[in-house]
Amino acid sequence: MLEQLFGSKTRVRLLRLFLANPDNFYYIRELTRKIGVQINAIRRELANLQTIGLIKVYQFKKDEAQDKLKIYFRVETNFILYRELRALFLKAQLLMERKLLTEIERIGQISYLVLTGTFLGFNDSPTDLLIVGRINRGKLANLIKKFEKDMDCTINYTIMSREEFNYRKDITDKFLYQILENKKIVVIDKIKQEINLDKE
């Protein structure tokens, strides 16, 4: 959708990265690694974004080990359309996430589904997506691959049966509790619903 609006896959990838990380400075070779695009295409799009004032250029040494000043790029948060563009990219991401979740529900019988890690903007989570239940693994792998391509990111996902989930919970499994006790979005929780029904 965004590619149709902005007319360039490279531009969309750059905008997504800069708008999601407004405090970060990036040098050009770092951008080629992060978004997987050739350096000339990145230079061209950066020049376009600089011309309209959305991207600003900085020159400095990041540390004492550097011999000379290096050129870095950062999004200009005072740009007149900065808030609107950021909101647009966030909404586009939400739409894609909702589509992914709808498709996941269609291919399995899920008791518990949690979004964390990449979906919440941090990289220290042991997984990005936890699914408890029965699901077609081949179809899920294809869905994730398509989502990764659309979002230009990597999604680490974990599938557990109800039995494995209960066992790991009982033994206070470090991997599972790192997910359960940290920031997350619970999309499906039939386990809690079933426990509450048993108590009634």
C-alpha atoms as a PDB file:
ATOM      1  CA  MET A   1       0.000   0.000   0.000  1.00  0.00           C
ATOM      2  CA  LEU A   2       2.706   2.510   0.990  1.00  0.00           C
ATOM      3  CA  GLU A   3       4.765   1.680  -2.096  1.00  0.00           C
ATOM      4  CA  GLN A   4       1.811   2.659  -4.281  1.00  0.00           C
ATOM      5  CA  LEU A   5       1.494   5.948  -2.387  1.00  0.00           C
ATOM      6  CA  PHE A   6       5.177   6.858  -2.382  1.00  0.00           C
ATOM      7  CA  GLY A   7       6.224   5.252  -5.671  1.00  0.00           C
ATOM      8  CA  SER A   8       9.476   3.717  -4.404  1.00  0.00           C
ATOM      9  CA  LYS A   9      10.200   0.671  -2.256  1.00  0.00           C
ATOM     10  CA  THR A  10      13.529   2.179  -1.158  1.00  0.00           C
ATOM     11  CA  ARG A  11      11.840   5.426  -0.100  1.00  0.00           C
ATOM     12  CA  VAL A  12       9.245   3.520   1.927  1.00  0.00           C
ATOM     13  CA  ARG A  13      11.932   1.426   3.642  1.00  0.00           C
ATOM     14  CA  LEU A  14      13.952   4.520   4.519  1.00  0.00           C
ATOM     15  CA  LEU A  15      10.908   6.400   5.789  1.00  0.00           C
ATOM     16  CA  ARG A  16       9.792   3.445   7.888  1.00  0.00           C
ATOM     17  CA  LEU A  17      13.230   3.201   9.509  1.00  0.00           C
ATOM     18  CA  PHE A  18      13.674   6.942  10.136  1.00  0.00           C
ATOM     19  CA  LEU A  19      10.104   7.544  11.345  1.00  0.00           C
ATOM     20  CA  ALA A  20      10.211   4.570  13.708  1.00  0.00           C
ATOM     21  CA  ASN A  21      13.558   5.739  15.170  1.00  0.00           C
ATOM     22  CA  PRO A  22      13.439   9.558  15.244  1.00  0.00           C
ATOM     23  CA  ASP A  23      16.355   9.874  17.702  1.00  0.00           C
ATOM     24  CA  ASN A  24      18.782   7.713  15.731  1.00  0.00           C
ATOM     25  CA  PHE A  25      21.588   8.885  13.452  1.00  0.00           C
ATOM     26  CA  TYR A  26      22.485   6.605  10.521  1.00  0.00           C
ATOM     27  CA  TYR A  27      25.479   6.613   8.203  1.00  0.00           C
ATOM     28  CA  ILE A  28      24.963   5.516   4.627  1.00  0.00           C
ATOM     29  CA  ARG A  29      26.559   2.045   4.736  1.00  0.00           C
ATOM     30  CA  GLU A  30      24.580   1.295   7.889  1.00  0.00           C
ATOM     31  CA  LEU A  31      21.396   2.107   5.954  1.00  0.00           C
ATOM     32  CA  THR A  32      22.361  -0.288   3.151  1.00  0.00           C
ATOM     33  CA  ARG A  33      22.697  -3.103   5.725  1.00  0.00           C
ATOM     34  CA  LYS A  34      19.519  -2.248   7.602  1.00  0.00           C
ATOM     35  CA  ILE A  35      17.158  -2.031   4.657  1.00  0.00           C
ATOM     36  CA  GLY A  36      18.990  -4.273   2.172  1.00  0.00           C
ATOM     37  CA  VAL A  37      19.149  -1.798  -0.710  1.00  0.00           C
ATOM     38  CA  GLN A  38      22.117  -0.795  -2.893  1.00  0.00           C
ATOM     39  CA  ILE A  39      24.016   2.314  -1.890  1.00  0.00           C
ATOM     40  CA  ASN A  40      23.243   4.328  -5.055  1.00  0.00           C
ATOM     41  CA  ALA A  41      19.475   3.874  -4.593  1.00  0.00           C
ATOM     42  CA  ILE A  42      19.786   4.994  -0.978  1.00  0.00           C
ATOM     43  CA  ARG A  43      21.857   8.050  -1.917  1.00  0.00           C
ATOM     44  CA  ARG A  44      19.246   9.039  -4.502  1.00  0.00           C
ATOM     45  CA  GLU A  45      16.328   8.725  -2.053  1.00  0.00           C
ATOM     46  CA  LEU A  46      18.202  10.488   0.745  1.00  0.00           C
ATOM     47  CA  ALA A  47      18.865  13.400  -1.621  1.00  0.00           C
ATOM     48  CA  ASN A  48      15.124  13.578  -2.432  1.00  0.00           C
ATOM     49  CA  LEU A  49      14.165  13.511   1.253  1.00  0.00           C
ATOM     50  CA  GLN A  50      16.808  16.145   2.086  1.00  0.00           C
ATOM     51  CA  THR A  51      15.476  18.429  -0.650  1.00  0.00           C
ATOM     52  CA  ILE A  52      12.019  18.557   0.937  1.00  0.00           C
ATOM     53  CA  GLY A  53      13.508  18.930   4.436  1.00  0.00           C
ATOM     54  CA  LEU A  54      12.425  15.611   5.952  1.00  0.00           C
ATOM     55  CA  ILE A  55      15.960  14.254   6.396  1.00  0.00           C
ATOM     56  CA  LYS A  56      18.785  16.310   7.868  1.00  0.00           C
ATOM     57  CA  VAL A  57      22.536  15.752   7.413  1.00  0.00           C
ATOM     58  CA  TYR A  58      25.013  15.870  10.321  1.00  0.00           C
ATOM     59  CA  GLN A  59      28.800  15.600  10.468  1.00  0.00           C
ATOM     60  CA  PHE A  60      30.532  14.454  13.634  1.00  0.00           C
ATOM     61  CA  LYS A  61      32.687  11.761  15.238  1.00  0.00           C
ATOM     62  CA  LYS A  62      30.670   9.154  17.114  1.00  0.00           C
ATOM     63  CA  ASP A  63      33.715   8.187  19.178  1.00  0.00           C
ATOM     64  CA  GLU A  64      37.385   9.031  19.636  1.00  0.00           C
ATOM     65  CA  ALA A  65      38.453   6.031  17.522  1.00  0.00           C
ATOM     66  CA  GLN A  66      37.218   7.746  14.366  1.00  0.00           C
ATOM     67  CA  ASP A  67      39.915   9.604  12.404  1.00  0.00           C
ATOM     68  CA  LYS A  68      37.648  12.078  10.656  1.00  0.00           C
ATOM     69  CA  LEU A  69      34.151  13.459  10.681  1.00  0.00           C
ATOM     70  CA  LYS A  70      31.503  11.092   9.364  1.00  0.00           C
ATOM     71  CA  ILE A  71      28.253  11.995   7.616  1.00  0.00           C
ATOM     72  CA  TYR A  72      25.064  10.894   9.379  1.00  0.00           C
ATOM     73  CA  PHE A  73      21.384  11.259   8.552  1.00  0.00           C
ATOM     74  CA  ARG A  74      18.415  11.725  10.862  1.00  0.00           C
ATOM     75  CA  VAL A  75      14.736  12.509  10.409  1.00  0.00           C
ATOM     76  CA  GLU A  76      13.812  16.169  10.969  1.00  0.00           C
ATOM     77  CA  THR A  77      11.099  16.050  13.644  1.00  0.00           C
ATOM     78  CA  ASN A  78      10.275  19.728  13.016  1.00  0.00           C
ATOM     79  CA  PHE A  79       9.347  18.960   9.398  1.00  0.00           C
ATOM     80  CA  ILE A  80       5.830  20.293   8.791  1.00  0.00           C
ATOM     81  CA  LEU A  81       4.364  16.870   7.909  1.00  0.00           C
ATOM     82  CA  TYR A  82       6.461  14.784  10.339  1.00  0.00           C
ATOM     83  CA  ARG A  83       3.588  13.873  12.702  1.00  0.00           C
ATOM     84  CA  GLU A  84       1.227  13.040   9.837  1.00  0.00           C
ATOM     85  CA  LEU A  85       3.799  10.846   8.089  1.00  0.00           C
ATOM     86  CA  ARG A  86       4.671   9.026  11.313  1.00  0.00           C
ATOM     87  CA  ALA A  87       0.972   8.415  12.018  1.00  0.00           C
ATOM     88  CA  LEU A  88       0.469   7.143   8.466  1.00  0.00           C
ATOM     89  CA  PHE A  89       3.290   4.609   8.761  1.00  0.00           C
ATOM     90  CA  LEU A  90       2.087   3.457  12.183  1.00  0.00           C
ATOM     91  CA  LYS A  91      -1.454   2.982  10.852  1.00  0.00           C
ATOM     92  CA  ALA A  92      -0.152   1.068   7.827  1.00  0.00           C
ATOM     93  CA  GLN A  93       1.792  -1.198  10.182  1.00  0.00           C
ATOM     94  CA  LEU A  94      -1.312  -1.754  12.327  1.00  0.00           C
ATOM     95  CA  LEU A  95      -3.338  -2.711   9.256  1.00  0.00           C
ATOM     96  CA  MET A  96      -0.724  -5.254   8.204  1.00  0.00           C
ATOM     97  CA  GLU A  97      -0.486  -6.647  11.746  1.00  0.00           C
ATOM     98  CA  ARG A  98      -4.279  -7.052  11.927  1.00  0.00           C
ATOM     99  CA  LYS A  99      -4.283  -8.826   8.579  1.00  0.00           C
ATOM    100  CA  LEU A 100      -1.512 -11.154   9.787  1.00  0.00           C
ATOM    101  CA  LEU A 101      -3.419 -11.976  13.001  1.00  0.00           C
ATOM    102  CA  THR A 102      -6.655 -12.629  11.110  1.00  0.00           C
ATOM    103  CA  GLU A 103      -4.827 -15.021   8.773  1.00  0.00           C
ATOM    104  CA  ILE A 104      -3.137 -16.794  11.707  1.00  0.00           C
ATOM    105  CA  GLU A 105      -6.503 -17.365  13.395  1.00  0.00           C
ATOM    106  CA  ARG A 106      -7.830 -18.931  10.185  1.00  0.00           C
ATOM    107  CA  ILE A 107      -5.127 -21.607   9.989  1.00  0.00           C
ATOM    108  CA  GLY A 108      -5.171 -22.900  13.544  1.00  0.00           C
ATOM    109  CA  GLN A 109      -6.943 -23.528  16.811  1.00  0.00           C
ATOM    110  CA  ILE A 110      -5.235 -20.998  19.060  1.00  0.00           C
ATOM    111  CA  SER A 111      -5.552 -20.818  22.823  1.00  0.00           C
ATOM    112  CA  TYR A 112      -3.072 -18.014  23.445  1.00  0.00           C
ATOM    113  CA  LEU A 113      -1.465 -15.493  21.096  1.00  0.00           C
ATOM    114  CA  VAL A 114       0.905 -12.730  22.163  1.00  0.00           C
ATOM    115  CA  LEU A 115       2.736  -9.977  20.294  1.00  0.00           C
ATOM    116  CA  THR A 116       5.962  -8.640  21.764  1.00  0.00           C
ATOM    117  CA  GLY A 117       9.505  -7.727  20.678  1.00  0.00           C
ATOM    118  CA  THR A 118       9.523  -6.215  17.169  1.00  0.00           C
ATOM    119  CA  PHE A 119       5.788  -5.523  17.302  1.00  0.00           C
ATOM    120  CA  LEU A 120       6.331  -3.236  20.305  1.00  0.00           C
ATOM    121  CA  GLY A 121       9.557  -1.676  19.069  1.00  0.00           C
ATOM    122  CA  PHE A 122      12.183  -3.468  21.168  1.00  0.00           C
ATOM    123  CA  ASN A 123      14.701  -6.149  20.253  1.00  0.00           C
ATOM    124  CA  ASP A 124      15.574  -7.847  23.542  1.00  0.00           C
ATOM    125  CA  SER A 125      12.567 -10.161  23.672  1.00  0.00           C
ATOM    126  CA  PRO A 126      13.216 -13.917  23.221  1.00  0.00           C
ATOM    127  CA  THR A 127      10.489 -13.999  20.538  1.00  0.00           C
ATOM    128  CA  ASP A 128       8.213 -11.581  18.685  1.00  0.00           C
ATOM    129  CA  LEU A 129       5.159 -13.799  18.410  1.00  0.00           C
ATOM    130  CA  LEU A 130       4.050 -16.566  20.788  1.00  0.00           C
ATOM    131  CA  ILE A 131       1.342 -18.973  19.657  1.00  0.00           C
ATOM    132  CA  VAL A 132      -0.106 -21.638  21.953  1.00  0.00           C
ATOM    133  CA  GLY A 133      -2.339 -24.215  20.312  1.00  0.00           C
ATOM    134  CA  ARG A 134      -2.490 -26.177  17.078  1.00  0.00           C
ATOM    135  CA  ILE A 135      -1.569 -24.530  13.796  1.00  0.00           C
ATOM    136  CA  ASN A 136      -0.488 -25.428  10.276  1.00  0.00           C
ATOM    137  CA  ARG A 137       3.248 -24.701  10.499  1.00  0.00           C
ATOM    138  CA  GLY A 138       3.817 -24.547   6.751  1.00  0.00           C
ATOM    139  CA  LYS A 139       1.049 -22.006   6.197  1.00  0.00           C
ATOM    140  CA  LEU A 140       2.246 -19.987   9.195  1.00  0.00           C
ATOM    141  CA  ALA A 141       5.812 -19.893   7.822  1.00  0.00           C
ATOM    142  CA  ASN A 142       4.477 -18.562   4.492  1.00  0.00           C
ATOM    143  CA  LEU A 143       2.362 -15.909   6.253  1.00  0.00           C
ATOM    144  CA  ILE A 144       5.325 -14.743   8.339  1.00  0.00           C
ATOM    145  CA  LYS A 145       7.597 -14.642   5.286  1.00  0.00           C
ATOM    146  CA  LYS A 146       5.101 -12.432   3.421  1.00  0.00           C
ATOM    147  CA  PHE A 147       4.684 -10.139   6.446  1.00  0.00           C
ATOM    148  CA  GLU A 148       8.480  -9.840   6.826  1.00  0.00           C
ATOM    149  CA  LYS A 149       8.758  -8.840   3.169  1.00  0.00           C
ATOM    150  CA  ASP A 150       5.990  -6.230   3.490  1.00  0.00           C
ATOM    151  CA  MET A 151       7.404  -4.797   6.722  1.00  0.00           C
ATOM    152  CA  ASP A 152      11.136  -5.170   5.908  1.00  0.00           C
ATOM    153  CA  CYS A 153      11.807  -6.872   9.218  1.00  0.00           C
ATOM    154  CA  THR A 154      12.490 -10.286  10.724  1.00  0.00           C
ATOM    155  CA  ILE A 155       9.835 -11.929  12.904  1.00  0.00           C
ATOM    156  CA  ASN A 156      10.896 -14.604  15.366  1.00  0.00           C
ATOM    157  CA  TYR A 157       7.946 -16.754  16.340  1.00  0.00           C
ATOM    158  CA  THR A 158       7.401 -19.577  18.816  1.00  0.00           C
ATOM    159  CA  ILE A 159       4.721 -22.274  18.712  1.00  0.00           C
ATOM    160  CA  MET A 160       3.808 -24.351  21.761  1.00  0.00           C
ATOM    161  CA  SER A 161       1.149 -26.946  22.421  1.00  0.00           C
ATOM    162  CA  ARG A 162      -1.132 -26.393  25.430  1.00  0.00           C
ATOM    163  CA  GLU A 163       0.727 -29.206  27.210  1.00  0.00           C
ATOM    164  CA  GLU A 164       4.147 -27.632  26.603  1.00  0.00           C
ATOM    165  CA  PHE A 165       2.875 -24.197  27.658  1.00  0.00           C
ATOM    166  CA  ASN A 166       1.405 -25.578  30.918  1.00  0.00           C
ATOM    167  CA  TYR A 167       4.571 -27.570  31.664  1.00  0.00           C
ATOM    168  CA  ARG A 168       6.854 -24.573  31.054  1.00  0.00           C
ATOM    169  CA  LYS A 169       4.600 -22.413  33.210  1.00  0.00           C
ATOM    170  CA  ASP A 170       4.639 -24.970  36.044  1.00  0.00           C
ATOM    171  CA  ILE A 171       8.442 -25.190  36.092  1.00  0.00           C
ATOM    172  CA  THR A 172       8.795 -21.377  35.810  1.00  0.00           C
ATOM    173  CA  ASP A 173      10.588 -21.687  32.484  1.00  0.00           C
ATOM    174  CA  LYS A 174      12.872 -18.660  31.964  1.00  0.00           C
ATOM    175  CA  PHE A 175      12.045 -18.289  28.246  1.00  0.00           C
ATOM    176  CA  LEU A 176       8.282 -18.314  28.830  1.00  0.00           C
ATOM    177  CA  TYR A 177       8.321 -16.037  31.879  1.00  0.00           C
ATOM    178  CA  GLN A 178      10.479 -13.501  30.063  1.00  0.00           C
ATOM    179  CA  ILE A 179       7.538 -13.169  27.656  1.00  0.00           C
ATOM    180  CA  LEU A 180       4.726 -13.354  30.209  1.00  0.00           C
ATOM    181  CA  GLU A 181       6.198 -10.837  32.653  1.00  0.00           C
ATOM    182  CA  ASN A 182       7.333  -8.209  30.163  1.00  0.00           C
ATOM    183  CA  LYS A 183       5.542  -5.765  27.873  1.00  0.00           C
ATOM    184  CA  LYS A 184       3.254  -7.543  25.436  1.00  0.00           C
ATOM    185  CA  ILE A 185      -0.059  -7.396  23.586  1.00  0.00           C
ATOM    186  CA  VAL A 186      -2.328 -10.351  24.349  1.00  0.00           C
ATOM    187  CA  VAL A 187      -4.442 -10.925  21.237  1.00  0.00           C
ATOM    188  CA  ILE A 188      -6.096 -14.225  22.227  1.00  0.00           C
ATOM    189  CA  ASP A 189      -6.357 -15.669  25.734  1.00  0.00           C
ATOM    190  CA  LYS A 190      -8.694 -18.648  25.862  1.00  0.00           C
ATOM    191  CA  ILE A 191      -6.579 -20.173  28.636  1.00  0.00           C
ATOM    192  CA  LYS A 192      -7.548 -17.434  31.112  1.00  0.00           C
ATOM    193  CA  GLN A 193     -11.181 -17.588  29.962  1.00  0.00           C
ATOM    194  CA  GLU A 194     -11.279 -21.351  30.552  1.00  0.00           C
ATOM    195  CA  ILE A 195      -9.749 -20.975  34.038  1.00  0.00           C
ATOM    196  CA  ASN A 196     -12.353 -18.345  34.936  1.00  0.00           C
ATOM    197  CA  LEU A 197     -15.174 -20.596  33.669  1.00  0.00           C
ATOM    198  CA  ASP A 198     -13.880 -23.491  35.804  1.00  0.00           C
ATOM    199  CA  LYS A 199     -14.021 -21.291  38.919  1.00  0.00           C
ATOM    200  CA  GLU A 200     -17.665 -20.337  38.359  1.00  0.00           C
END
